PDB file of N, CA and C in Angstrom:
ATOM      1  N   MET A   1     292.348 107.926 185.768  1.00  0.00           N
ATOM      2  CA  MET A   1     293.242 107.915 187.050  1.00  0.00           C
ATOM      3  C   MET A   1     293.151 109.248 187.657  1.00  0.00           C
ATOM      4  N   SER A   2     292.770 110.277 186.930  1.00  0.00           N
ATOM      5  CA  SER A   2     292.748 111.553 187.444  1.00  0.00           C
ATOM      6  C   SER A   2     291.361 111.420 188.551  1.00  0.00           C
ATOM      7  N   HIS A   3     290.424 110.703 188.537  1.00  0.00           N
ATOM      8  CA  HIS A   3     289.527 110.616 189.851  1.00  0.00           C
ATOM      9  C   HIS A   3     290.437 109.827 191.144  1.00  0.00           C
ATOM     10  N   LEU A   4     291.214 108.878 190.719  1.00  0.00           N
ATOM     11  CA  LEU A   4     292.037 108.403 191.704  1.00  0.00           C
ATOM     12  C   LEU A   4     293.029 109.307 192.423  1.00  0.00           C
ATOM     13  N   ILE A   5     293.669 110.278 191.611  1.00  0.00           N
ATOM     14  CA  ILE A   5     294.580 110.971 192.095  1.00  0.00           C
ATOM     15  C   ILE A   5     293.766 112.039 192.828  1.00  0.00           C
ATOM     16  N   GLU A   6     292.778 112.514 192.419  1.00  0.00           N
ATOM     17  CA  GLU A   6     291.639 113.308 193.120  1.00  0.00           C
ATOM     18  C   GLU A   6     291.600 112.835 194.942  1.00  0.00           C
ATOM     19  N   ARG A   7     291.111 111.668 194.628  1.00  0.00           N
ATOM     20  CA  ARG A   7     290.965 111.017 196.027  1.00  0.00           C
ATOM     21  C   ARG A   7     291.798 110.799 196.743  1.00  0.00           C
ATOM     22  N   LEU A   8     293.094 110.601 196.195  1.00  0.00           N
ATOM     23  CA  LEU A   8     294.404 110.272 196.922  1.00  0.00           C
ATOM     24  C   LEU A   8     294.597 111.702 197.708  1.00  0.00           C
ATOM     25  N   THR A   9     294.489 112.655 196.892  1.00  0.00           N
ATOM     26  CA  THR A   9     295.020 113.899 197.188  1.00  0.00           C
ATOM     27  C   THR A   9     294.114 114.471 198.483  1.00  0.00           C
ATOM     28  N   GLN A  10     292.683 114.137 198.313  1.00  0.00           N
ATOM     29  CA  GLN A  10     291.578 114.349 199.175  1.00  0.00           C
ATOM     30  C   GLN A  10     292.208 114.001 200.694  1.00  0.00           C
ATOM     31  N   GLU A  11     292.764 112.569 200.338  1.00  0.00           N
ATOM     32  CA  GLU A  11     292.731 111.879 201.787  1.00  0.00           C
ATOM     33  C   GLU A  11     294.262 112.435 202.003  1.00  0.00           C
ATOM     34  N   HIS A  12     295.065 112.608 201.392  1.00  0.00           N
ATOM     35  CA  HIS A  12     296.110 113.271 202.073  1.00  0.00           C
ATOM     36  C   HIS A  12     295.884 114.720 202.886  1.00  0.00           C
ATOM     37  N   VAL A  13     294.941 115.392 202.608  1.00  0.00           N
ATOM     38  CA  VAL A  13     294.753 116.574 202.999  1.00  0.00           C
ATOM     39  C   VAL A  13     293.792 116.165 204.323  1.00  0.00           C
ATOM     40  N   GLY A  14     293.207 115.287 204.421  1.00  0.00           N
ATOM     41  CA  GLY A  14     292.313 114.627 205.484  1.00  0.00           C
ATOM     42  C   GLY A  14     293.297 114.306 206.602  1.00  0.00           C
ATOM     43  N   ILE A  15     294.148 113.246 205.938  1.00  0.00           N
ATOM     44  CA  ILE A  15     295.271 112.773 207.271  1.00  0.00           C
ATOM     45  C   ILE A  15     295.992 113.850 207.575  1.00  0.00           C
ATOM     46  N   VAL A  16     296.486 114.644 206.744  1.00  0.00           N
ATOM     47  CA  VAL A  16     297.453 116.029 207.460  1.00  0.00           C
ATOM     48  C   VAL A  16     296.459 116.784 208.570  1.00  0.00           C
ATOM     49  N   SER A  17     295.210 117.071 208.232  1.00  0.00           N
ATOM     50  CA  SER A  17     294.508 117.692 208.952  1.00  0.00           C
ATOM     51  C   SER A  17     294.304 117.071 210.411  1.00  0.00           C
ATOM     52  N   ALA A  18     293.733 115.812 210.269  1.00  0.00           N
ATOM     53  CA  ALA A  18     293.949 114.832 211.521  1.00  0.00           C
ATOM     54  C   ALA A  18     295.245 115.184 212.231  1.00  0.00           C
ATOM     55  N   LEU A  19     295.826 114.824 211.702  1.00  0.00           N
ATOM     56  CA  LEU A  19     297.290 114.785 212.255  1.00  0.00           C
ATOM     57  C   LEU A  19     297.534 116.097 213.090  1.00  0.00           C
ATOM     58  N   ASP A  20     297.262 117.112 212.571  1.00  0.00           N
ATOM     59  CA  ASP A  20     297.212 118.586 212.949  1.00  0.00           C
ATOM     60  C   ASP A  20     296.336 118.715 214.251  1.00  0.00           C
ATOM     61  N   HIS A  21     295.221 117.870 214.423  1.00  0.00           N
ATOM     62  CA  HIS A  21     294.291 118.331 215.385  1.00  0.00           C
ATOM     63  C   HIS A  21     294.930 117.331 216.487  1.00  0.00           C
ATOM     64  N   ALA A  22     295.295 116.201 216.133  1.00  0.00           N
ATOM     65  CA  ALA A  22     296.003 115.638 217.276  1.00  0.00           C
ATOM     66  C   ALA A  22     297.087 116.345 217.703  1.00  0.00           C
ATOM     67  N   LYS A  23     297.962 116.792 217.171  1.00  0.00           N
ATOM     68  CA  LYS A  23     298.845 117.705 217.852  1.00  0.00           C
ATOM     69  C   LYS A  23     298.454 118.802 218.738  1.00  0.00           C
ATOM     70  N   GLU A  24     297.213 119.308 218.086  1.00  0.00           N
ATOM     71  CA  GLU A  24     296.784 120.606 219.095  1.00  0.00           C
ATOM     72  C   GLU A  24     296.279 119.886 220.215  1.00  0.00           C
ATOM     73  N   ALA A  25     295.431 118.947 220.316  1.00  0.00           N
ATOM     74  CA  ALA A  25     294.853 118.013 221.174  1.00  0.00           C
ATOM     75  C   ALA A  25     295.960 117.857 222.175  1.00  0.00           C
ATOM     76  N   GLY A  26     296.996 117.395 221.961  1.00  0.00           N
ATOM     77  CA  GLY A  26     298.193 116.893 222.597  1.00  0.00           C
ATOM     78  C   GLY A  26     298.132 115.377 222.581  1.00  0.00           C
ATOM     79  N   ILE A  27     299.131 115.104 222.161  1.00  0.00           N
ATOM     80  CA  ILE A  27     299.554 113.725 221.776  1.00  0.00           C
ATOM     81  C   ILE A  27     299.498 112.701 223.236  1.00  0.00           C
ATOM     82  N   GLY A  28     299.933 113.296 224.091  1.00  0.00           N
ATOM     83  CA  GLY A  28     299.623 112.572 225.541  1.00  0.00           C
ATOM     84  C   GLY A  28     298.052 112.605 226.130  1.00  0.00           C
ATOM     85  N   SER A  29     297.003 113.543 225.437  1.00  0.00           N
ATOM     86  CA  SER A  29     295.968 113.340 225.946  1.00  0.00           C
ATOM     87  C   SER A  29     295.226 112.258 225.509  1.00  0.00           C
ATOM     88  N   ALA A  30     294.177 112.015 226.029  1.00  0.00           N
ATOM     89  CA  ALA A  30     293.110 111.134 225.865  1.00  0.00           C
ATOM     90  C   ALA A  30     292.732 111.435 224.294  1.00  0.00           C
ATOM     91  N   ASP A  31     292.042 112.540 224.264  1.00  0.00           N
ATOM     92  CA  ASP A  31     291.534 113.304 222.858  1.00  0.00           C
ATOM     93  C   ASP A  31     292.855 112.784 221.501  1.00  0.00           C
ATOM     94  N   GLY A  32     294.051 113.306 221.989  1.00  0.00           N
ATOM     95  CA  GLY A  32     295.252 113.194 221.127  1.00  0.00           C
ATOM     96  C   GLY A  32     295.262 111.882 220.701  1.00  0.00           C
ATOM     97  N   LYS A  33     295.395 110.993 221.289  1.00  0.00           N
ATOM     98  CA  LYS A  33     295.665 109.563 221.304  1.00  0.00           C
ATOM     99  C   LYS A  33     294.354 108.938 220.420  1.00  0.00           C
ATOM    100  N   GLN A  34     293.180 109.368 220.561  1.00  0.00           N
ATOM    101  CA  GLN A  34     291.893 108.718 220.113  1.00  0.00           C
ATOM    102  C   GLN A  34     292.326 109.252 218.415  1.00  0.00           C
ATOM    103  N   LYS A  35     292.559 110.712 218.361  1.00  0.00           N
ATOM    104  CA  LYS A  35     293.084 111.234 216.787  1.00  0.00           C
ATOM    105  C   LYS A  35     293.991 110.435 216.297  1.00  0.00           C
ATOM    106  N   LEU A  36     295.027 110.027 216.979  1.00  0.00           N
ATOM    107  CA  LEU A  36     295.959 109.327 216.484  1.00  0.00           C
ATOM    108  C   LEU A  36     295.504 107.989 215.713  1.00  0.00           C
ATOM    109  N   PHE A  37     294.704 107.039 216.687  1.00  0.00           N
ATOM    110  CA  PHE A  37     294.233 105.886 216.464  1.00  0.00           C
ATOM    111  C   PHE A  37     293.487 106.127 215.125  1.00  0.00           C
ATOM    112  N   SER A  38     292.775 107.232 214.901  1.00  0.00           N
ATOM    113  CA  SER A  38     291.794 107.226 213.805  1.00  0.00           C
ATOM    114  C   SER A  38     292.481 107.430 212.657  1.00  0.00           C
ATOM    115  N   VAL A  39     293.622 108.361 212.679  1.00  0.00           N
ATOM    116  CA  VAL A  39     294.463 108.438 211.538  1.00  0.00           C
ATOM    117  C   VAL A  39     295.219 107.380 211.047  1.00  0.00           C
ATOM    118  N   LYS A  40     295.560 106.584 212.167  1.00  0.00           N
ATOM    119  CA  LYS A  40     296.152 105.202 211.761  1.00  0.00           C
ATOM    120  C   LYS A  40     295.312 104.426 210.758  1.00  0.00           C
ATOM    121  N   ALA A  41     294.156 104.242 211.326  1.00  0.00           N
ATOM    122  CA  ALA A  41     293.405 103.448 210.226  1.00  0.00           C
ATOM    123  C   ALA A  41     293.115 104.179 208.676  1.00  0.00           C
ATOM    124  N   HIS A  42     292.988 105.263 208.758  1.00  0.00           N
ATOM    125  CA  HIS A  42     292.929 106.150 207.592  1.00  0.00           C
ATOM    126  C   HIS A  42     294.159 105.961 206.723  1.00  0.00           C
ATOM    127  N   LEU A  43     295.433 105.983 207.515  1.00  0.00           N
ATOM    128  CA  LEU A  43     296.529 105.901 206.413  1.00  0.00           C
ATOM    129  C   LEU A  43     296.825 104.593 206.198  1.00  0.00           C
ATOM    130  N   ILE A  44     296.575 103.532 207.102  1.00  0.00           N
ATOM    131  CA  ILE A  44     296.712 102.310 206.674  1.00  0.00           C
ATOM    132  C   ILE A  44     295.777 101.704 205.286  1.00  0.00           C
ATOM    133  N   ALA A  45     294.662 102.517 205.058  1.00  0.00           N
ATOM    134  CA  ALA A  45     293.688 102.300 204.353  1.00  0.00           C
ATOM    135  C   ALA A  45     293.981 103.069 202.878  1.00  0.00           C
ATOM    136  N   HIS A  46     294.517 104.197 203.203  1.00  0.00           N
ATOM    137  CA  HIS A  46     294.975 105.096 201.892  1.00  0.00           C
ATOM    138  C   HIS A  46     296.503 104.341 201.381  1.00  0.00           C
ATOM    139  N   LEU A  47     297.371 104.010 202.306  1.00  0.00           N
ATOM    140  CA  LEU A  47     298.549 103.242 201.892  1.00  0.00           C
ATOM    141  C   LEU A  47     298.166 101.906 200.818  1.00  0.00           C
ATOM    142  N   ARG A  48     296.981 101.432 201.543  1.00  0.00           N
ATOM    143  CA  ARG A  48     296.875 100.049 200.532  1.00  0.00           C
ATOM    144  C   ARG A  48     296.050 100.457 199.234  1.00  0.00           C
ATOM    145  N   ARG A  49     295.441 101.545 199.301  1.00  0.00           N
ATOM    146  CA  ARG A  49     294.674 101.879 197.908  1.00  0.00           C
ATOM    147  C   ARG A  49     296.023 102.620 196.969  1.00  0.00           C
ATOM    148  N   GLU A  50     296.878 103.176 197.689  1.00  0.00           N
ATOM    149  CA  GLU A  50     297.979 103.594 196.726  1.00  0.00           C
ATOM    150  C   GLU A  50     298.523 101.953 196.055  1.00  0.00           C
ATOM    151  N   ASP A  51     298.847 101.032 197.095  1.00  0.00           N
ATOM    152  CA  ASP A  51     299.395  99.982 196.593  1.00  0.00           C
ATOM    153  C   ASP A  51     298.628  99.182 195.554  1.00  0.00           C
ATOM    154  N   ASP A  52     297.211  99.056 195.552  1.00  0.00           N
ATOM    155  CA  ASP A  52     296.206  98.033 194.901  1.00  0.00           C
ATOM    156  C   ASP A  52     295.942  99.067 193.888  1.00  0.00           C
ATOM    157  N   GLU A  53     295.971 100.407 193.870  1.00  0.00           N
ATOM    158  CA  GLU A  53     295.456 100.902 192.711  1.00  0.00           C
ATOM    159  C   GLU A  53     296.666 101.878 191.901  1.00  0.00           C
ATOM    160  N   LEU A  54     297.084 102.613 192.523  1.00  0.00           N
ATOM    161  CA  LEU A  54     298.156 103.823 191.820  1.00  0.00           C
ATOM    162  C   LEU A  54     299.395 102.830 191.449  1.00  0.00           C
ATOM    163  N   TYR A  55     300.252 102.235 192.187  1.00  0.00           N
ATOM    164  CA  TYR A  55     301.268 101.810 191.706  1.00  0.00           C
ATOM    165  C   TYR A  55     301.361 100.609 190.653  1.00  0.00           C
ATOM    166  N   PRO A  56     300.318  99.912 190.463  1.00  0.00           N
ATOM    167  CA  PRO A  56     300.218  99.217 189.278  1.00  0.00           C
ATOM    168  C   PRO A  56     299.820 100.056 188.063  1.00  0.00           C
ATOM    169  N   MET A  57     299.199 101.015 188.243  1.00  0.00           N
ATOM    170  CA  MET A  57     298.761 101.763 187.172  1.00  0.00           C
ATOM    171  C   MET A  57     300.159 102.850 186.532  1.00  0.00           C
ATOM    172  N   LEU A  58     300.691 103.049 187.453  1.00  0.00           N
ATOM    173  CA  LEU A  58     301.875 103.949 187.217  1.00  0.00           C
ATOM    174  C   LEU A  58     303.094 102.907 186.561  1.00  0.00           C
ATOM    175  N   LYS A  59     303.118 101.728 187.132  1.00  0.00           N
ATOM    176  CA  LYS A  59     304.009 100.720 186.329  1.00  0.00           C
ATOM    177  C   LYS A  59     303.765 100.328 185.120  1.00  0.00           C
ATOM    178  N   ARG A  60     302.488 100.453 184.832  1.00  0.00           N
ATOM    179  CA  ARG A  60     301.819  99.987 183.386  1.00  0.00           C
ATOM    180  C   ARG A  60     301.982 101.357 182.693  1.00  0.00           C
ATOM    181  N   ALA A  61     302.147 102.260 183.021  1.00  0.00           N
ATOM    182  CA  ALA A  61     302.593 103.725 182.307  1.00  0.00           C
ATOM    183  C   ALA A  61     303.820 103.774 181.901  1.00  0.00           C
ATOM    184  N   GLY A  62     304.815 103.250 182.890  1.00  0.00           N
ATOM    185  CA  GLY A  62     306.205 103.688 182.828  1.00  0.00           C
ATOM    186  C   GLY A  62     306.575 102.403 181.724  1.00  0.00           C
ATOM    187  N   GLU A  63     305.748 101.476 181.364  1.00  0.00           N
ATOM    188  CA  GLU A  63     306.330 100.736 180.502  1.00  0.00           C
ATOM    189  C   GLU A  63     306.336 101.476 179.155  1.00  0.00           C
ATOM    190  N   MET A  64     305.582 102.769 178.755  1.00  0.00           N
ATOM    191  CA  MET A  64     305.318 103.376 177.847  1.00  0.00           C
ATOM    192  C   MET A  64     306.523 104.729 177.702  1.00  0.00           C
ATOM    193  N   ASP A  65     306.753 105.021 179.101  1.00  0.00           N
ATOM    194  CA  ASP A  65     307.600 106.193 179.209  1.00  0.00           C
ATOM    195  C   ASP A  65     308.931 105.968 180.222  1.00  0.00           C
ATOM    196  N   VAL A  66     309.784 106.031 179.338  1.00  0.00           N
ATOM    197  CA  VAL A  66     311.240 105.900 180.033  1.00  0.00           C
ATOM    198  C   VAL A  66     311.368 106.611 181.112  1.00  0.00           C
ATOM    199  N   ASN A  67     311.357 107.982 181.173  1.00  0.00           N
ATOM    200  CA  ASN A  67     311.393 108.601 182.309  1.00  0.00           C
ATOM    201  C   ASN A  67     310.649 108.434 183.567  1.00  0.00           C
ATOM    202  N   LEU A  68     309.174 107.931 183.355  1.00  0.00           N
ATOM    203  CA  LEU A  68     308.255 107.897 184.507  1.00  0.00           C
ATOM    204  C   LEU A  68     308.816 106.291 184.833  1.00  0.00           C
ATOM    205  N   LYS A  69     309.266 105.582 184.159  1.00  0.00           N
ATOM    206  CA  LYS A  69     309.999 103.921 184.503  1.00  0.00           C
ATOM    207  C   LYS A  69     311.255 104.489 185.452  1.00  0.00           C
ATOM    208  N   ARG A  70     311.965 105.388 185.335  1.00  0.00           N
ATOM    209  CA  ARG A  70     313.110 105.606 185.958  1.00  0.00           C
ATOM    210  C   ARG A  70     312.668 106.237 187.324  1.00  0.00           C
ATOM    211  N   THR A  71     311.977 107.105 187.286  1.00  0.00           N
ATOM    212  CA  THR A  71     311.204 107.685 188.468  1.00  0.00           C
ATOM    213  C   THR A  71     310.710 106.507 189.564  1.00  0.00           C
ATOM    214  N   ILE A  72     309.998 105.699 188.987  1.00  0.00           N
ATOM    215  CA  ILE A  72     309.266 104.569 189.554  1.00  0.00           C
ATOM    216  C   ILE A  72     310.519 103.646 189.972  1.00  0.00           C
ATOM    217  N   ASP A  73     311.167 103.307 189.507  1.00  0.00           N
ATOM    218  CA  ASP A  73     312.356 102.454 189.789  1.00  0.00           C
ATOM    219  C   ASP A  73     313.215 103.050 190.995  1.00  0.00           C
ATOM    220  N   ILE A  74     313.447 104.242 190.989  1.00  0.00           N
ATOM    221  CA  ILE A  74     314.069 105.004 192.281  1.00  0.00           C
ATOM    222  C   ILE A  74     313.099 105.154 193.483  1.00  0.00           C
TER     223      ILE A  74
END
């Protein structure tokens, strides 16, 4: 699981960085729009990875940990 968390954390950093670059370029500019579309693809892939890999793992872990299960349910 730690490998997955490390990967997701790196993806978070990359997504935030790309959004910052888009903001700096100006969201209305051609470069800014291109960066936003690029971020969109990465964000969708990231969310899919969370849905497919992270959340099922957390749900299984929540079966053994009442506090984790409460957090997941919220």
